């Protein structure tokens, strides 16, 4: 594998350090994308109605308004 890295670096006029940095960035991006995908699936499962933050804020405001009206 080391030989492949050196050949690739030479062919692309880059250093092996540059290749490793790029490879690590790519790995991190893929890892983060997988984490986000799992989080989104989990969120969708726990939020079957598809509520957004805006929806929640609106519903809280409506609920509080109903409570105020009921007290009067």
N, C-alpha and C. Protein backbone atom coordinates (compact mmCIF):
# COMPACT_ATOMS: atom_id res chain seq x y z
N UNK A 1 0.83 -1.18 0.00
CA UNK A 1 0.00 0.00 0.00
C UNK A 1 0.88 1.25 0.00
N UNK A 2 1.97 1.19 0.75
CA UNK A 2 2.89 2.34 0.80
C UNK A 2 3.44 2.65 -0.59
N UNK A 3 3.74 1.59 -1.34
CA UNK A 3 4.24 1.81 -2.71
C UNK A 3 3.19 2.48 -3.57
N UNK A 4 1.94 2.06 -3.42
CA UNK A 4 0.85 2.66 -4.20
C UNK A 4 0.72 4.14 -3.86
N UNK A 5 0.82 4.46 -2.58
CA UNK A 5 0.71 5.86 -2.16
C UNK A 5 1.84 6.67 -2.78
N UNK A 6 3.04 6.16 -2.72
CA UNK A 6 4.18 6.88 -3.29
C UNK A 6 4.03 7.05 -4.80
N UNK A 7 3.58 6.02 -5.50
CA UNK A 7 3.38 6.12 -6.95
C UNK A 7 2.30 7.15 -7.28
N UNK A 8 1.21 7.11 -6.53
CA UNK A 8 0.12 8.06 -6.77
C UNK A 8 0.59 9.48 -6.50
N UNK A 9 1.29 9.67 -5.40
CA UNK A 9 1.80 11.00 -5.07
C UNK A 9 2.71 11.52 -6.17
N UNK A 10 3.58 10.67 -6.63
CA UNK A 10 4.52 11.07 -7.69
C UNK A 10 3.76 11.39 -8.98
N UNK A 11 2.80 10.57 -9.32
CA UNK A 11 2.02 10.78 -10.56
C UNK A 11 1.22 12.08 -10.50
N UNK A 12 0.79 12.47 -9.30
CA UNK A 12 -0.02 13.69 -9.15
C UNK A 12 0.80 14.89 -8.69
N UNK A 13 2.14 14.71 -8.65
CA UNK A 13 3.02 15.79 -8.19
C UNK A 13 2.60 16.33 -6.83
N UNK A 14 2.35 15.41 -5.92
CA UNK A 14 1.94 15.78 -4.57
C UNK A 14 2.80 15.01 -3.59
N UNK A 15 2.72 15.42 -2.33
CA UNK A 15 3.45 14.69 -1.30
C UNK A 15 2.53 13.62 -0.73
N UNK A 16 3.13 12.64 -0.09
CA UNK A 16 2.32 11.60 0.56
C UNK A 16 1.49 12.22 1.68
N UNK A 17 2.03 13.23 2.34
CA UNK A 17 1.27 13.91 3.40
C UNK A 17 0.00 14.54 2.85
N UNK A 18 0.10 15.14 1.67
CA UNK A 18 -1.10 15.73 1.04
C UNK A 18 -2.14 14.65 0.75
N UNK A 19 -1.69 13.53 0.24
CA UNK A 19 -2.62 12.43 -0.06
C UNK A 19 -3.29 11.92 1.21
N UNK A 20 -2.51 11.75 2.27
CA UNK A 20 -3.09 11.27 3.53
C UNK A 20 -4.06 12.28 4.12
N UNK A 21 -3.72 13.58 4.05
CA UNK A 21 -4.65 14.60 4.55
C UNK A 21 -5.97 14.55 3.78
N UNK A 22 -5.86 14.46 2.45
CA UNK A 22 -7.07 14.39 1.62
C UNK A 22 -7.88 13.13 1.93
N UNK A 23 -7.18 12.02 2.08
CA UNK A 23 -7.87 10.76 2.40
C UNK A 23 -8.57 10.85 3.75
N UNK A 24 -7.91 11.46 4.73
CA UNK A 24 -8.52 11.58 6.05
C UNK A 24 -9.72 12.51 6.02
N UNK A 25 -9.60 13.63 5.28
CA UNK A 25 -10.76 14.53 5.15
C UNK A 25 -11.94 13.80 4.52
N UNK A 26 -11.67 13.03 3.49
CA UNK A 26 -12.72 12.27 2.82
C UNK A 26 -13.34 11.26 3.77
N UNK A 27 -12.51 10.57 4.52
CA UNK A 27 -12.99 9.60 5.51
C UNK A 27 -13.89 10.29 6.53
N UNK A 28 -13.45 11.43 7.06
CA UNK A 28 -14.23 12.16 8.05
C UNK A 28 -15.58 12.62 7.47
N UNK A 29 -15.57 13.11 6.23
CA UNK A 29 -16.82 13.55 5.60
C UNK A 29 -17.80 12.39 5.46
N UNK A 30 -17.30 11.23 5.05
CA UNK A 30 -18.16 10.05 4.91
C UNK A 30 -18.68 9.59 6.27
N UNK A 31 -17.81 9.63 7.28
CA UNK A 31 -18.21 9.20 8.62
C UNK A 31 -19.30 10.13 9.16
N UNK A 32 -19.11 11.43 8.99
CA UNK A 32 -20.10 12.40 9.46
C UNK A 32 -21.41 12.23 8.70
N UNK A 33 -21.32 12.00 7.39
CA UNK A 33 -22.53 11.80 6.59
C UNK A 33 -23.31 10.58 7.08
N UNK A 34 -22.61 9.50 7.44
CA UNK A 34 -23.28 8.31 7.96
C UNK A 34 -23.94 8.59 9.31
N UNK A 35 -23.25 9.33 10.16
CA UNK A 35 -23.82 9.69 11.47
C UNK A 35 -25.08 10.52 11.28
N UNK A 36 -25.02 11.50 10.37
CA UNK A 36 -26.19 12.33 10.10
C UNK A 36 -27.35 11.52 9.55
N UNK A 37 -27.04 10.59 8.65
CA UNK A 37 -28.08 9.75 8.07
C UNK A 37 -28.76 8.91 9.15
N UNK A 38 -27.97 8.31 10.04
CA UNK A 38 -28.56 7.51 11.13
C UNK A 38 -29.39 8.39 12.05
N UNK A 39 -28.89 9.59 12.34
CA UNK A 39 -29.63 10.52 13.20
C UNK A 39 -30.95 10.91 12.57
N UNK A 40 -30.92 11.19 11.27
CA UNK A 40 -32.15 11.58 10.57
C UNK A 40 -33.16 10.44 10.57
N UNK A 41 -32.69 9.21 10.36
CA UNK A 41 -33.59 8.06 10.40
C UNK A 41 -34.21 7.90 11.79
N UNK A 42 -33.37 8.04 12.81
CA UNK A 42 -33.85 7.91 14.19
C UNK A 42 -34.85 9.02 14.49
N UNK A 43 -34.55 10.24 14.05
CA UNK A 43 -35.45 11.37 14.28
C UNK A 43 -36.77 11.14 13.57
N UNK A 44 -36.72 10.67 12.33
CA UNK A 44 -37.95 10.42 11.57
C UNK A 44 -38.79 9.35 12.25
N UNK A 45 -38.14 8.35 12.81
CA UNK A 45 -38.86 7.28 13.51
C UNK A 45 -39.54 7.82 14.76
N UNK A 46 -38.86 8.73 15.47
CA UNK A 46 -39.40 9.30 16.70
C UNK A 46 -40.29 10.51 16.45
N UNK A 47 -40.41 10.91 15.22
CA UNK A 47 -41.22 12.07 14.86
C UNK A 47 -42.10 11.70 13.66
N UNK A 48 -43.03 10.75 13.85
CA UNK A 48 -43.81 10.26 12.71
C UNK A 48 -44.68 11.32 12.04
N UNK A 49 -45.01 12.38 12.76
CA UNK A 49 -45.84 13.44 12.18
C UNK A 49 -45.01 14.41 11.35
N UNK A 50 -43.69 14.33 11.44
CA UNK A 50 -42.82 15.19 10.64
C UNK A 50 -42.75 16.62 11.13
N UNK A 51 -42.97 16.85 12.42
CA UNK A 51 -42.92 18.21 12.95
C UNK A 51 -41.52 18.79 12.85
N UNK A 52 -41.48 20.09 12.55
CA UNK A 52 -40.21 20.81 12.50
C UNK A 52 -40.11 21.69 13.74
N UNK A 53 -38.97 22.33 13.95
CA UNK A 53 -38.81 23.25 15.08
C UNK A 53 -39.83 24.38 14.99
N UNK A 54 -40.08 24.84 13.79
CA UNK A 54 -41.06 25.92 13.59
C UNK A 54 -42.45 25.45 14.01
N UNK A 55 -42.81 24.22 13.66
CA UNK A 55 -44.10 23.66 14.05
C UNK A 55 -44.22 23.60 15.57
N UNK A 56 -43.18 23.14 16.22
CA UNK A 56 -43.22 22.99 17.68
C UNK A 56 -43.39 24.36 18.34
N UNK A 57 -42.63 25.35 17.88
CA UNK A 57 -42.76 26.70 18.44
C UNK A 57 -44.18 27.23 18.25
N UNK A 58 -44.75 27.02 17.07
CA UNK A 58 -46.12 27.47 16.79
C UNK A 58 -47.13 26.77 17.68
N UNK A 59 -46.96 25.45 17.84
CA UNK A 59 -47.91 24.69 18.66
C UNK A 59 -47.83 25.11 20.13
N UNK A 60 -46.65 25.40 20.61
CA UNK A 60 -46.51 25.87 22.00
C UNK A 60 -47.21 27.19 22.17
N UNK A 61 -47.00 28.09 21.20
CA UNK A 61 -47.65 29.40 21.26
C UNK A 61 -49.18 29.24 21.23
N UNK A 62 -49.70 28.37 20.38
CA UNK A 62 -51.14 28.13 20.30
C UNK A 62 -51.67 27.53 21.60
N UNK A 63 -50.95 26.58 22.16
CA UNK A 63 -51.37 25.93 23.40
C UNK A 63 -51.44 26.96 24.53
N UNK A 64 -50.42 27.80 24.65
CA UNK A 64 -50.41 28.82 25.70
C UNK A 64 -51.54 29.82 25.52
N UNK A 65 -51.83 30.17 24.26
CA UNK A 65 -52.94 31.09 23.99
C UNK A 65 -54.27 30.46 24.40
N UNK A 66 -54.45 29.18 24.12
CA UNK A 66 -55.67 28.47 24.52
C UNK A 66 -55.81 28.45 26.04
N UNK A 67 -54.70 28.22 26.75
CA UNK A 67 -54.72 28.20 28.21
C UNK A 67 -55.10 29.55 28.76
N UNK A 68 -54.55 30.62 28.19
CA UNK A 68 -54.88 31.99 28.65
C UNK A 68 -56.37 32.25 28.42
N UNK A 69 -56.87 31.86 27.26
CA UNK A 69 -58.28 32.08 26.93
C UNK A 69 -59.18 31.31 27.89
N UNK A 70 -58.79 30.08 28.22
CA UNK A 70 -59.60 29.23 29.11
C UNK A 70 -59.64 29.80 30.53
N UNK A 71 -58.60 30.49 30.96
CA UNK A 71 -58.55 31.06 32.32
C UNK A 71 -59.47 32.26 32.45
N UNK A 72 -59.73 32.96 31.37
CA UNK A 72 -60.54 34.19 31.42
C UNK A 72 -61.98 33.94 31.59
